[in-house]
Amino acid sequence: MTKLKRGMVVDMEANNIKQENLVGVIGSRGVVSEVVNGKRSISKAQAFA
């Protein structure tokens, strides 16, 4: 697990956020999964959403 992914997962757990909570904010379920798994970066617009 990369340092960034580990940090994101820890932040999500600490704030009780699940991947499904990010659908519609970041994108589709597939996009959210790719972001959380470190296969895709988020854009500035997604970061500020």
PDB file of N, CA and C in Angstrom:
ATOM      1  N   MET A   1       0.856  -1.180   0.000  1.00  0.00           N
ATOM      2  CA  MET A   1       0.000   0.000   0.000  1.00  0.00           C
ATOM      3  C   MET A   1       0.895   1.233   0.000  1.00  0.00           C
ATOM      4  N   THR A   2       0.607   2.148  -0.897  1.00  0.00           N
ATOM      5  CA  THR A   2       1.421   3.359  -0.971  1.00  0.00           C
ATOM      6  C   THR A   2       1.124   4.264   0.222  1.00  0.00           C
ATOM      7  N   LYS A   3       2.056   5.156   0.485  1.00  0.00           N
ATOM      8  CA  LYS A   3       1.896   6.089   1.609  1.00  0.00           C
ATOM      9  C   LYS A   3       0.650   6.952   1.420  1.00  0.00           C
ATOM     10  N   LEU A   4       0.421   7.418   0.165  1.00  0.00           N
ATOM     11  CA  LEU A   4      -0.741   8.260  -0.110  1.00  0.00           C
ATOM     12  C   LEU A   4      -2.038   7.484   0.101  1.00  0.00           C
ATOM     13  N   LYS A   5      -2.104   6.253  -0.417  1.00  0.00           N
ATOM     14  CA  LYS A   5      -3.312   5.444  -0.251  1.00  0.00           C
ATOM     15  C   LYS A   5      -3.569   5.160   1.222  1.00  0.00           C
ATOM     16  N   ARG A   6      -2.515   4.814   1.941  1.00  0.00           N
ATOM     17  CA  ARG A   6      -2.655   4.526   3.375  1.00  0.00           C
ATOM     18  C   ARG A   6      -3.202   5.748   4.105  1.00  0.00           C
ATOM     19  N   GLY A   7      -2.692   6.940   3.755  1.00  0.00           N
ATOM     20  CA  GLY A   7      -3.167   8.173   4.380  1.00  0.00           C
ATOM     21  C   GLY A   7      -4.612   8.461   4.048  1.00  0.00           C
ATOM     22  N   MET A   8      -4.990   8.218   2.797  1.00  0.00           N
ATOM     23  CA  MET A   8      -6.369   8.471   2.385  1.00  0.00           C
ATOM     24  C   MET A   8      -7.326   7.524   3.109  1.00  0.00           C
ATOM     25  N   VAL A   9      -6.945   6.257   3.198  1.00  0.00           N
ATOM     26  CA  VAL A   9      -7.790   5.276   3.882  1.00  0.00           C
ATOM     27  C   VAL A   9      -7.924   5.629   5.358  1.00  0.00           C
ATOM     28  N   VAL A  10      -6.838   6.034   6.000  1.00  0.00           N
ATOM     29  CA  VAL A  10      -6.882   6.424   7.410  1.00  0.00           C
ATOM     30  C   VAL A  10      -7.795   7.634   7.593  1.00  0.00           C
ATOM     31  N   ASP A  11      -7.655   8.633   6.711  1.00  0.00           N
ATOM     32  CA  ASP A  11      -8.511   9.820   6.790  1.00  0.00           C
ATOM     33  C   ASP A  11      -9.977   9.449   6.594  1.00  0.00           C
ATOM     34  N   MET A  12     -10.245   8.575   5.632  1.00  0.00           N
ATOM     35  CA  MET A  12     -11.635   8.163   5.387  1.00  0.00           C
ATOM     36  C   MET A  12     -12.197   7.449   6.608  1.00  0.00           C
ATOM     37  N   GLU A  13     -11.414   6.549   7.195  1.00  0.00           N
ATOM     38  CA  GLU A  13     -11.884   5.816   8.378  1.00  0.00           C
ATOM     39  C   GLU A  13     -12.089   6.754   9.559  1.00  0.00           C
ATOM     40  N   ALA A  14     -11.182   7.684   9.755  1.00  0.00           N
ATOM     41  CA  ALA A  14     -11.272   8.618  10.883  1.00  0.00           C
ATOM     42  C   ALA A  14     -12.509   9.506  10.780  1.00  0.00           C
ATOM     43  N   ASN A  15     -12.927   9.790   9.557  1.00  0.00           N
ATOM     44  CA  ASN A  15     -14.089  10.655   9.347  1.00  0.00           C
ATOM     45  C   ASN A  15     -15.339   9.876   8.973  1.00  0.00           C
ATOM     46  N   ASN A  16     -15.270   8.548   9.133  1.00  0.00           N
ATOM     47  CA  ASN A  16     -16.407   7.665   8.846  1.00  0.00           C
ATOM     48  C   ASN A  16     -16.944   7.874   7.428  1.00  0.00           C
ATOM     49  N   ILE A  17     -16.031   7.973   6.466  1.00  0.00           N
ATOM     50  CA  ILE A  17     -16.406   8.148   5.063  1.00  0.00           C
ATOM     51  C   ILE A  17     -16.167   6.840   4.335  1.00  0.00           C
ATOM     52  N   LYS A  18     -17.161   6.413   3.588  1.00  0.00           N
ATOM     53  CA  LYS A  18     -17.048   5.199   2.792  1.00  0.00           C
ATOM     54  C   LYS A  18     -16.929   5.594   1.327  1.00  0.00           C
ATOM     55  N   GLN A  19     -16.437   4.667   0.512  1.00  0.00           N
ATOM     56  CA  GLN A  19     -16.289   4.945  -0.914  1.00  0.00           C
ATOM     57  C   GLN A  19     -17.607   5.410  -1.512  1.00  0.00           C
ATOM     58  N   GLU A  20     -18.697   4.798  -1.109  1.00  0.00           N
ATOM     59  CA  GLU A  20     -20.000   5.164  -1.680  1.00  0.00           C
ATOM     60  C   GLU A  20     -20.387   6.613  -1.378  1.00  0.00           C
ATOM     61  N   ASN A  21     -19.824   7.185  -0.291  1.00  0.00           N
ATOM     62  CA  ASN A  21     -20.090   8.590   0.023  1.00  0.00           C
ATOM     63  C   ASN A  21     -19.442   9.536  -0.984  1.00  0.00           C
ATOM     64  N   LEU A  22     -18.417   9.055  -1.683  1.00  0.00           N
ATOM     65  CA  LEU A  22     -17.683   9.883  -2.637  1.00  0.00           C
ATOM     66  C   LEU A  22     -18.246   9.813  -4.052  1.00  0.00           C
ATOM     67  N   VAL A  23     -19.132   8.840  -4.304  1.00  0.00           N
ATOM     68  CA  VAL A  23     -19.770   8.734  -5.621  1.00  0.00           C
ATOM     69  C   VAL A  23     -20.616   9.980  -5.830  1.00  0.00           C
ATOM     70  N   GLY A  24     -20.466  10.613  -6.970  1.00  0.00           N
ATOM     71  CA  GLY A  24     -21.175  11.850  -7.248  1.00  0.00           C
ATOM     72  C   GLY A  24     -20.348  13.078  -6.910  1.00  0.00           C
ATOM     73  N   VAL A  25     -19.446  12.941  -5.931  1.00  0.00           N
ATOM     74  CA  VAL A  25     -18.543  14.039  -5.597  1.00  0.00           C
ATOM     75  C   VAL A  25     -17.312  13.945  -6.485  1.00  0.00           C
ATOM     76  N   ILE A  26     -16.721  12.764  -6.508  1.00  0.00           N
ATOM     77  CA  ILE A  26     -15.527  12.535  -7.331  1.00  0.00           C
ATOM     78  C   ILE A  26     -15.920  12.012  -8.710  1.00  0.00           C
ATOM     79  N   GLY A  27     -16.920  11.156  -8.752  1.00  0.00           N
ATOM     80  CA  GLY A  27     -17.335  10.561 -10.016  1.00  0.00           C
ATOM     81  C   GLY A  27     -18.110   9.281  -9.777  1.00  0.00           C
ATOM     82  N   SER A  28     -18.046   8.392 -10.743  1.00  0.00           N
ATOM     83  CA  SER A  28     -18.769   7.126 -10.656  1.00  0.00           C
ATOM     84  C   SER A  28     -18.105   6.196  -9.641  1.00  0.00           C
ATOM     85  N   ARG A  29     -18.766   5.067  -9.364  1.00  0.00           N
ATOM     86  CA  ARG A  29     -18.189   4.088  -8.436  1.00  0.00           C
ATOM     87  C   ARG A  29     -16.831   3.610  -8.916  1.00  0.00           C
ATOM     88  N   GLY A  30     -16.708   3.425 -10.238  1.00  0.00           N
ATOM     89  CA  GLY A  30     -15.441   2.967 -10.799  1.00  0.00           C
ATOM     90  C   GLY A  30     -14.324   3.971 -10.601  1.00  0.00           C
ATOM     91  N   VAL A  31     -14.628   5.243 -10.817  1.00  0.00           N
ATOM     92  CA  VAL A  31     -13.627   6.306 -10.641  1.00  0.00           C
ATOM     93  C   VAL A  31     -13.225   6.399  -9.173  1.00  0.00           C
ATOM     94  N   VAL A  32     -14.195   6.359  -8.279  1.00  0.00           N
ATOM     95  CA  VAL A  32     -13.900   6.427  -6.837  1.00  0.00           C
ATOM     96  C   VAL A  32     -13.004   5.256  -6.443  1.00  0.00           C
ATOM     97  N   SER A  33     -13.316   4.076  -6.913  1.00  0.00           N
ATOM     98  CA  SER A  33     -12.511   2.898  -6.609  1.00  0.00           C
ATOM     99  C   SER A  33     -11.084   3.066  -7.102  1.00  0.00           C
ATOM    100  N   GLU A  34     -10.915   3.571  -8.313  1.00  0.00           N
ATOM    101  CA  GLU A  34      -9.578   3.778  -8.858  1.00  0.00           C
ATOM    102  C   GLU A  34      -8.791   4.814  -8.048  1.00  0.00           C
ATOM    103  N   VAL A  35      -9.450   5.866  -7.618  1.00  0.00           N
ATOM    104  CA  VAL A  35      -8.786   6.898  -6.815  1.00  0.00           C
ATOM    105  C   VAL A  35      -8.357   6.312  -5.469  1.00  0.00           C
ATOM    106  N   VAL A  36      -9.257   5.638  -4.792  1.00  0.00           N
ATOM    107  CA  VAL A  36      -8.956   5.079  -3.473  1.00  0.00           C
ATOM    108  C   VAL A  36      -7.858   4.020  -3.563  1.00  0.00           C
ATOM    109  N   ASN A  37      -7.829   3.278  -4.659  1.00  0.00           N
ATOM    110  CA  ASN A  37      -6.828   2.225  -4.826  1.00  0.00           C
ATOM    111  C   ASN A  37      -5.533   2.725  -5.458  1.00  0.00           C
ATOM    112  N   GLY A  38      -5.422   4.028  -5.671  1.00  0.00           N
ATOM    113  CA  GLY A  38      -4.186   4.610  -6.165  1.00  0.00           C
ATOM    114  C   GLY A  38      -3.925   4.426  -7.643  1.00  0.00           C
ATOM    115  N   LYS A  39      -4.939   4.014  -8.391  1.00  0.00           N
ATOM    116  CA  LYS A  39      -4.779   3.800  -9.827  1.00  0.00           C
ATOM    117  C   LYS A  39      -5.081   5.050 -10.633  1.00  0.00           C
ATOM    118  N   ARG A  40      -5.636   6.051  -9.989  1.00  0.00           N
ATOM    119  CA  ARG A  40      -6.029   7.286 -10.670  1.00  0.00           C
ATOM    120  C   ARG A  40      -5.865   8.465  -9.727  1.00  0.00           C
ATOM    121  N   SER A  41      -5.464   9.579 -10.281  1.00  0.00           N
ATOM    122  CA  SER A  41      -5.364  10.810  -9.493  1.00  0.00           C
ATOM    123  C   SER A  41      -6.669  11.583  -9.604  1.00  0.00           C
ATOM    124  N   ILE A  42      -6.878  12.487  -8.671  1.00  0.00           N
ATOM    125  CA  ILE A  42      -8.048  13.349  -8.776  1.00  0.00           C
ATOM    126  C   ILE A  42      -7.632  14.690  -9.352  1.00  0.00           C
ATOM    127  N   SER A  43      -8.580  15.335  -9.995  1.00  0.00           N
ATOM    128  CA  SER A  43      -8.326  16.653 -10.560  1.00  0.00           C
ATOM    129  C   SER A  43      -8.463  17.723  -9.473  1.00  0.00           C
ATOM    130  N   LYS A  44      -8.058  18.935  -9.791  1.00  0.00           N
ATOM    131  CA  LYS A  44      -8.231  20.037  -8.838  1.00  0.00           C
ATOM    132  C   LYS A  44      -9.703  20.229  -8.514  1.00  0.00           C
ATOM    133  N   ALA A  45     -10.555  20.146  -9.535  1.00  0.00           N
ATOM    134  CA  ALA A  45     -11.994  20.328  -9.331  1.00  0.00           C
ATOM    135  C   ALA A  45     -12.544  19.271  -8.381  1.00  0.00           C
ATOM    136  N   GLN A  46     -12.105  18.018  -8.549  1.00  0.00           N
ATOM    137  CA  GLN A  46     -12.566  16.949  -7.665  1.00  0.00           C
ATOM    138  C   GLN A  46     -12.052  17.168  -6.237  1.00  0.00           C
ATOM    139  N   ALA A  47     -10.840  17.646  -6.118  1.00  0.00           N
ATOM    140  CA  ALA A  47     -10.252  17.879  -4.800  1.00  0.00           C
ATOM    141  C   ALA A  47     -10.996  18.956  -4.035  1.00  0.00           C
ATOM    142  N   PHE A  48     -11.494  19.950  -4.736  1.00  0.00           N
ATOM    143  CA  PHE A  48     -12.193  21.059  -4.086  1.00  0.00           C
ATOM    144  C   PHE A  48     -13.691  20.827  -3.949  1.00  0.00           C
ATOM    145  N   ALA A  49     -14.206  19.716  -4.500  1.00  0.00           N
ATOM    146  CA  ALA A  49     -15.662  19.445  -4.461  1.00  0.00           C
ATOM    147  C   ALA A  49     -16.096  19.066  -3.057  1.00  0.00           C
TER     148      ALA A  49
END
